[in-house]
Amino acid sequence: MNREGRLTVHVLDTATGRPAAGLSLSLFRIDPAARSPIGTWTTNADGRCDAPLLHGAALTAGVYEIVFDIAGWRVGEAGFYDLIPIRFRIADSAAHTHIPLLLSPFGYTTYRGS
């Protein structure tokens, strides 16, 4: 069986009960000597990116960090968070790694999704 790994995100605004559309996020690869940028995306109307952040051969085992630009998304609104960084490990590059982010003005939760 040939599995193609992929990295996806889904952001939900729990204060409104709606997807977090238009939220910018950046992905970095973390190596012992460097934090290397991979790319920047913006969530669509469903709070997801239109394509995986990484997939296939581009997704390798290692440590990554996604930084969600909460202040840029909540322009002019009350909120506590500026940026939310989530650092995680990918051990199986052939698996689907899904990072959900549930956020509100004064709290957030994340977990390894499916």
Protein backbone atom coordinates (compact mmCIF):
# COMPACT_ATOMS: atom_id res chain seq x y z
CA MET A 1 0.00 0.00 0.00
CA ASN A 2 1.44 3.38 -1.02
CA ARG A 3 0.46 6.12 1.42
CA GLU A 4 1.21 9.74 0.69
CA GLY A 5 1.66 11.73 3.88
CA ARG A 6 0.21 15.17 4.28
CA LEU A 7 0.04 18.00 6.82
CA THR A 8 -3.25 19.87 7.19
CA VAL A 9 -4.81 22.42 9.56
CA HIS A 10 -8.32 23.46 10.56
CA VAL A 11 -9.04 26.60 12.61
CA LEU A 12 -12.35 27.19 14.36
CA ASP A 13 -13.44 30.30 16.25
CA THR A 14 -15.26 28.91 19.29
CA ALA A 15 -16.47 32.38 20.32
CA THR A 16 -18.64 32.60 17.20
CA GLY A 17 -19.04 28.90 16.46
CA ARG A 18 -17.69 29.44 12.93
CA PRO A 19 -14.56 28.61 10.95
CA ALA A 20 -11.70 31.11 11.22
CA ALA A 21 -11.66 32.30 7.60
CA GLY A 22 -8.87 34.59 6.40
CA LEU A 23 -6.36 33.68 9.12
CA SER A 24 -2.70 33.73 8.01
CA LEU A 25 -0.30 31.04 9.17
CA SER A 26 3.33 30.23 8.52
CA LEU A 27 5.11 26.88 8.60
CA PHE A 28 8.73 26.36 9.67
CA ARG A 29 11.08 23.39 9.78
CA ILE A 30 13.00 23.23 13.06
CA ASP A 31 16.55 21.89 12.90
CA PRO A 32 19.10 22.00 15.71
CA ALA A 33 20.84 25.01 14.14
CA ALA A 34 18.00 26.81 12.38
CA ARG A 35 14.32 27.64 12.06
CA SER A 36 13.70 27.53 8.30
CA PRO A 37 10.56 29.04 6.73
CA ILE A 38 8.62 26.74 4.41
CA GLY A 39 5.64 28.89 3.44
CA THR A 40 2.67 31.04 4.37
CA TRP A 41 -1.02 30.25 3.83
CA THR A 42 -4.42 31.78 4.58
CA THR A 43 -7.43 29.80 5.73
CA ASN A 44 -10.45 29.58 3.44
CA ALA A 45 -14.16 29.99 4.34
CA ASP A 46 -14.10 26.58 6.06
CA GLY A 47 -11.09 27.51 8.25
CA ARG A 48 -8.80 25.19 6.26
CA CYS A 49 -6.09 25.78 3.67
CA ASP A 50 -7.02 24.94 0.08
CA ALA A 51 -4.23 22.34 -0.13
CA PRO A 52 -2.04 20.48 2.39
CA LEU A 53 0.80 22.55 3.83
CA LEU A 54 3.12 19.69 2.92
CA HIS A 55 2.51 16.39 1.17
CA GLY A 56 4.34 13.54 -0.49
CA ALA A 57 8.12 13.81 -0.68
CA ALA A 58 8.05 17.37 0.77
CA LEU A 59 6.81 15.97 4.10
CA THR A 60 9.73 14.43 5.96
CA ALA A 61 10.15 13.25 9.53
CA GLY A 62 11.27 15.99 11.90
CA VAL A 63 10.17 18.93 14.01
CA TYR A 64 7.93 21.66 12.59
CA GLU A 65 6.25 24.80 13.87
CA ILE A 66 3.08 26.47 12.63
CA VAL A 67 2.61 30.10 13.70
CA PHE A 68 -0.97 31.37 13.50
CA ASP A 69 -1.29 35.18 13.12
CA ILE A 70 -4.20 35.79 15.48
CA ALA A 71 -3.69 39.57 15.82
CA GLY A 72 -3.73 40.00 12.04
CA TRP A 73 -6.95 38.02 11.82
CA ARG A 74 -8.70 39.81 14.73
CA VAL A 75 -7.79 43.30 13.51
CA GLY A 76 -9.50 45.84 15.76
CA GLU A 77 -11.15 43.18 17.95
CA ALA A 78 -10.43 42.45 21.58
CA GLY A 79 -8.22 39.47 22.14
CA PHE A 80 -5.31 38.32 24.21
CA TYR A 81 -3.16 36.45 21.68
CA ASP A 82 -0.90 37.97 19.05
CA LEU A 83 0.67 34.83 17.57
CA ILE A 84 0.02 31.20 18.46
CA PRO A 85 3.01 28.94 17.72
CA ILE A 86 2.46 25.18 17.71
CA ARG A 87 5.61 23.05 17.58
CA PHE A 88 5.20 19.34 16.82
CA ARG A 89 7.03 16.24 15.62
CA ILE A 90 6.33 14.15 12.55
CA ALA A 91 7.63 10.61 12.94
CA ASP A 92 5.75 8.93 10.08
CA SER A 93 6.04 10.99 6.91
CA ALA A 94 3.57 8.67 5.15
CA ALA A 95 0.77 9.49 7.62
CA HIS A 96 -1.81 12.27 7.61
CA THR A 97 -0.90 14.77 10.33
CA HIS A 98 -3.79 17.12 11.10
CA ILE A 99 -3.43 20.12 13.44
CA PRO A 100 -6.78 21.59 14.57
CA LEU A 101 -6.79 24.92 16.43
CA LEU A 102 -9.86 25.92 18.43
CA LEU A 103 -9.60 29.54 19.48
CA SER A 104 -11.43 32.26 21.35
CA PRO A 105 -10.33 35.76 22.35
CA PHE A 106 -8.78 34.53 25.61
CA GLY A 107 -7.90 30.87 25.07
CA TYR A 108 -7.08 28.16 22.59
CA THR A 109 -6.81 24.38 22.32
CA THR A 110 -5.00 22.18 19.85
CA TYR A 111 -4.51 18.46 19.44
CA ARG A 112 -3.36 15.81 16.96
CA GLY A 113 -6.37 15.36 14.76
CA SER A 114 -7.23 12.75 12.17
